[in-house]
């Protein structure tokens, strides 16, 4: 019965580590609203952000 307990504990630990990893990757890939707003040259909503390039 002891190996089953270790298997269950390992599965729970793996799920927690996976959730932390996914959260960290999503936080690294998604820019925050302040980062996106800082890339805009002015406050005109019709002007695309600078990272889209020129027309």
C-alpha atoms as a PDB file:
ATOM      1  CA  UNK A   1       0.000   0.000   0.000  1.00  0.00           C
ATOM      2  CA  UNK A   2       2.953   2.313   0.508  1.00  0.00           C
ATOM      3  CA  UNK A   3       3.840   2.533  -3.223  1.00  0.00           C
ATOM      4  CA  UNK A   4       0.260   3.576  -4.027  1.00  0.00           C
ATOM      5  CA  UNK A   5       0.526   6.400  -1.508  1.00  0.00           C
ATOM      6  CA  UNK A   6       3.756   7.618  -3.125  1.00  0.00           C
ATOM      7  CA  UNK A   7       2.135   7.367  -6.569  1.00  0.00           C
ATOM      8  CA  UNK A   8      -0.805   9.474  -5.421  1.00  0.00           C
ATOM      9  CA  UNK A   9       1.474  12.019  -3.762  1.00  0.00           C
ATOM     10  CA  UNK A  10       3.600  12.218  -6.901  1.00  0.00           C
ATOM     11  CA  UNK A  11       0.526  12.801  -9.063  1.00  0.00           C
ATOM     12  CA  UNK A  12      -0.677  15.632  -6.831  1.00  0.00           C
ATOM     13  CA  UNK A  13       2.776  17.215  -6.789  1.00  0.00           C
ATOM     14  CA  UNK A  14       3.026  16.924 -10.581  1.00  0.00           C
ATOM     15  CA  UNK A  15      -0.365  18.616 -11.007  1.00  0.00           C
ATOM     16  CA  UNK A  16       0.654  21.493  -8.740  1.00  0.00           C
ATOM     17  CA  UNK A  17       3.965  21.971 -10.545  1.00  0.00           C
ATOM     18  CA  UNK A  18       2.208  21.864 -13.922  1.00  0.00           C
ATOM     19  CA  UNK A  19      -0.262  24.534 -12.830  1.00  0.00           C
ATOM     20  CA  UNK A  20       2.565  26.755 -11.596  1.00  0.00           C
ATOM     21  CA  UNK A  21       4.483  26.207 -14.837  1.00  0.00           C
ATOM     22  CA  UNK A  22       1.517  27.039 -17.057  1.00  0.00           C
ATOM     23  CA  UNK A  23       0.829  30.171 -15.038  1.00  0.00           C
ATOM     24  CA  UNK A  24       4.448  31.295 -15.325  1.00  0.00           C
ATOM     25  CA  UNK A  25       4.537  30.717 -19.089  1.00  0.00           C
ATOM     26  CA  UNK A  26       1.283  32.590 -19.645  1.00  0.00           C
ATOM     27  CA  UNK A  27       2.506  35.504 -17.537  1.00  0.00           C
ATOM     28  CA  UNK A  28       5.739  35.628 -19.546  1.00  0.00           C
ATOM     29  CA  UNK A  29       3.991  35.522 -22.928  1.00  0.00           C
ATOM     30  CA  UNK A  30       1.027  37.832 -22.372  1.00  0.00           C
ATOM     31  CA  UNK A  31       1.904  41.519 -22.203  1.00  0.00           C
ATOM     32  CA  UNK A  32       0.158  43.551 -19.570  1.00  0.00           C
ATOM     33  CA  UNK A  33      -2.175  46.394 -20.458  1.00  0.00           C
ATOM     34  CA  UNK A  34       0.387  48.955 -19.317  1.00  0.00           C
ATOM     35  CA  UNK A  35       3.025  47.472 -21.643  1.00  0.00           C
ATOM     36  CA  UNK A  36       0.657  47.648 -24.596  1.00  0.00           C
ATOM     37  CA  UNK A  37      -0.403  51.184 -23.700  1.00  0.00           C
ATOM     38  CA  UNK A  38       3.209  52.321 -23.426  1.00  0.00           C
ATOM     39  CA  UNK A  39       3.849  51.191 -27.016  1.00  0.00           C
ATOM     40  CA  UNK A  40       1.191  53.538 -28.396  1.00  0.00           C
ATOM     41  CA  UNK A  41       2.621  56.815 -29.651  1.00  0.00           C
ATOM     42  CA  UNK A  42      -0.462  58.846 -28.762  1.00  0.00           C
ATOM     43  CA  UNK A  43      -3.867  58.260 -27.219  1.00  0.00           C
ATOM     44  CA  UNK A  44      -5.733  58.090 -30.544  1.00  0.00           C
ATOM     45  CA  UNK A  45      -7.594  54.749 -30.564  1.00  0.00           C
ATOM     46  CA  UNK A  46      -7.594  54.713 -34.386  1.00  0.00           C
ATOM     47  CA  UNK A  47      -3.783  54.737 -34.555  1.00  0.00           C
ATOM     48  CA  UNK A  48      -2.291  51.237 -34.464  1.00  0.00           C
ATOM     49  CA  UNK A  49       0.439  50.515 -31.920  1.00  0.00           C
ATOM     50  CA  UNK A  50       4.026  51.011 -33.037  1.00  0.00           C
ATOM     51  CA  UNK A  51       4.865  47.313 -32.867  1.00  0.00           C
ATOM     52  CA  UNK A  52       2.570  46.700 -35.883  1.00  0.00           C
ATOM     53  CA  UNK A  53       4.979  48.621 -38.100  1.00  0.00           C
ATOM     54  CA  UNK A  54       4.171  51.253 -40.698  1.00  0.00           C
ATOM     55  CA  UNK A  55       1.479  51.219 -43.315  1.00  0.00           C
END
